[in-house]
Protein backbone atom coordinates (compact mmCIF):
# COMPACT_ATOMS: atom_id res chain seq x y z
CA MET A 1 15.54 57.57 -14.38
CA SER A 2 14.88 54.45 -12.35
CA GLU A 3 12.13 51.85 -13.26
CA PRO A 4 9.60 51.13 -10.66
CA TRP A 5 10.19 47.68 -8.85
CA THR A 6 8.41 44.60 -9.84
CA PRO A 7 8.26 41.41 -7.59
CA PRO A 8 9.90 38.30 -9.11
CA SER A 9 7.31 35.97 -10.78
CA SER A 10 5.86 33.14 -8.66
CA SER A 11 5.78 30.61 -11.57
CA SER A 12 8.38 28.28 -9.71
CA ALA A 13 6.60 28.47 -6.44
CA GLY A 14 3.18 28.63 -7.72
CA GLY A 15 2.70 24.70 -7.98
CA SER A 16 4.40 24.07 -4.71
CA ALA A 17 2.08 26.27 -2.53
CA ASN A 18 -1.03 24.40 -3.95
CA VAL A 19 -0.18 20.78 -2.96
CA PRO A 20 -2.44 19.81 0.19
CA ASN A 21 -1.04 17.14 2.34
CA TYR A 22 -4.42 15.71 3.81
CA LEU A 23 -2.72 15.05 7.02
CA VAL A 24 -5.83 16.03 9.32
CA PRO A 25 -8.19 13.41 7.29
CA ALA A 26 -5.44 10.88 7.46
CA ILE A 27 -5.06 10.95 11.18
CA ILE A 28 -8.84 10.98 11.64
CA SER A 29 -9.05 7.78 9.32
CA ILE A 30 -6.81 6.00 11.85
CA PHE A 31 -9.77 5.73 14.10
CA CYS A 32 -11.99 4.39 11.32
CA CYS A 33 -10.06 1.78 9.80
CA TRP A 34 -6.37 1.76 11.16
CA PRO A 35 -4.47 -0.17 8.53
CA LEU A 36 -5.75 2.19 5.68
CA GLY A 37 -5.27 5.07 8.05
CA ILE A 38 -1.59 4.25 8.72
CA VAL A 39 -1.00 4.28 4.88
CA ALA A 40 -2.75 7.47 4.53
CA VAL A 41 -0.69 8.92 7.31
CA ILE A 42 2.50 7.88 5.53
CA PHE A 43 1.69 9.47 2.21
CA ALA A 44 0.24 12.52 3.79
CA ALA A 45 3.67 12.95 5.58
CA GLN A 46 5.61 12.60 2.41
CA VAL A 47 4.00 15.33 0.70
CA ASN A 48 5.75 18.39 2.25
CA GLY A 49 9.40 16.87 2.04
CA LYS A 50 8.66 16.19 -1.57
CA VAL A 51 7.74 19.76 -1.98
CA ALA A 52 10.84 20.99 -0.25
CA SER A 53 12.99 18.73 -2.51
CA GLY A 54 11.35 20.11 -5.54
CA ASP A 55 9.52 16.86 -6.38
CA ILE A 56 6.14 18.67 -7.29
CA ALA A 57 4.91 15.53 -9.22
CA GLY A 58 5.71 13.03 -6.63
CA ALA A 59 4.07 15.54 -3.92
CA GLU A 60 0.93 15.58 -6.04
CA ASP A 61 1.10 11.78 -6.45
CA ALA A 62 1.41 11.07 -2.65
CA SER A 63 -1.19 13.83 -1.90
CA LYS A 64 -3.66 12.15 -4.20
CA LYS A 65 -2.86 8.62 -2.45
CA ALA A 66 -3.22 10.11 1.10
CA LYS A 67 -6.56 11.71 0.14
CA LEU A 68 -7.66 8.29 -1.41
CA PHE A 69 -6.76 6.08 1.39
CA SER A 70 -8.15 8.65 3.85
CA TYR A 71 -11.67 8.53 2.43
CA ILE A 72 -11.65 4.89 2.05
CA SER A 73 -10.84 4.34 5.54
CA ILE A 74 -13.32 6.91 6.69
CA GLY A 75 -16.05 5.42 4.50
CA ILE A 76 -15.09 1.74 5.72
CA GLY A 77 -15.35 2.91 9.27
CA LEU A 78 -18.73 4.79 8.63
CA VAL A 79 -20.27 1.59 6.91
CA VAL A 80 -19.08 -0.62 9.65
CA GLY A 81 -20.56 1.86 12.24
CA VAL A 82 -23.70 1.91 10.55
CA ILE A 83 -24.02 -2.02 10.31
CA TYR A 84 -23.20 -2.49 13.86
CA LEU A 85 -25.78 0.15 14.95
CA LEU A 86 -28.56 -1.46 12.72
CA LEU A 87 -27.50 -5.03 14.15
CA THR A 88 -27.70 -3.90 17.65
CA ILE A 89 -31.07 -2.15 17.09
CA LEU A 90 -32.25 -5.29 15.40
CA GLY A 91 -31.07 -7.35 18.27
CA ILE A 92 -32.60 -5.31 20.98
CA GLY A 93 -36.07 -5.39 19.06
CA LEU A 94 -35.81 -9.23 18.71
CA GLY A 95 -34.98 -9.55 22.13
CA ALA A 96 -37.83 -7.75 23.24
CA MET A 97 -40.30 -9.75 21.08
CA GLN A 98 -39.14 -12.88 22.40
CA GLY A 99 -39.27 -12.10 25.87
């Protein structure tokens, strides 16, 4: 009698499929603060290569750094944009009061 087929366990590949590379936020962050955005893209690009070579700890570290630099860059871009908008509105308001 033959035994029913059981698929191989995915314990070795389970961690590799769950490492996000954050490439999309990294690319978006280039438009907000390009020096930090470039760093984020570099770390995001390293994730898949490290997963493919079996360096899961290195891939997770690169993923965390890509996420960190992406969000910092996007945050800086948003803050600078809001400050610029407020100064523009304030400048227009003061110009109208003087004229």
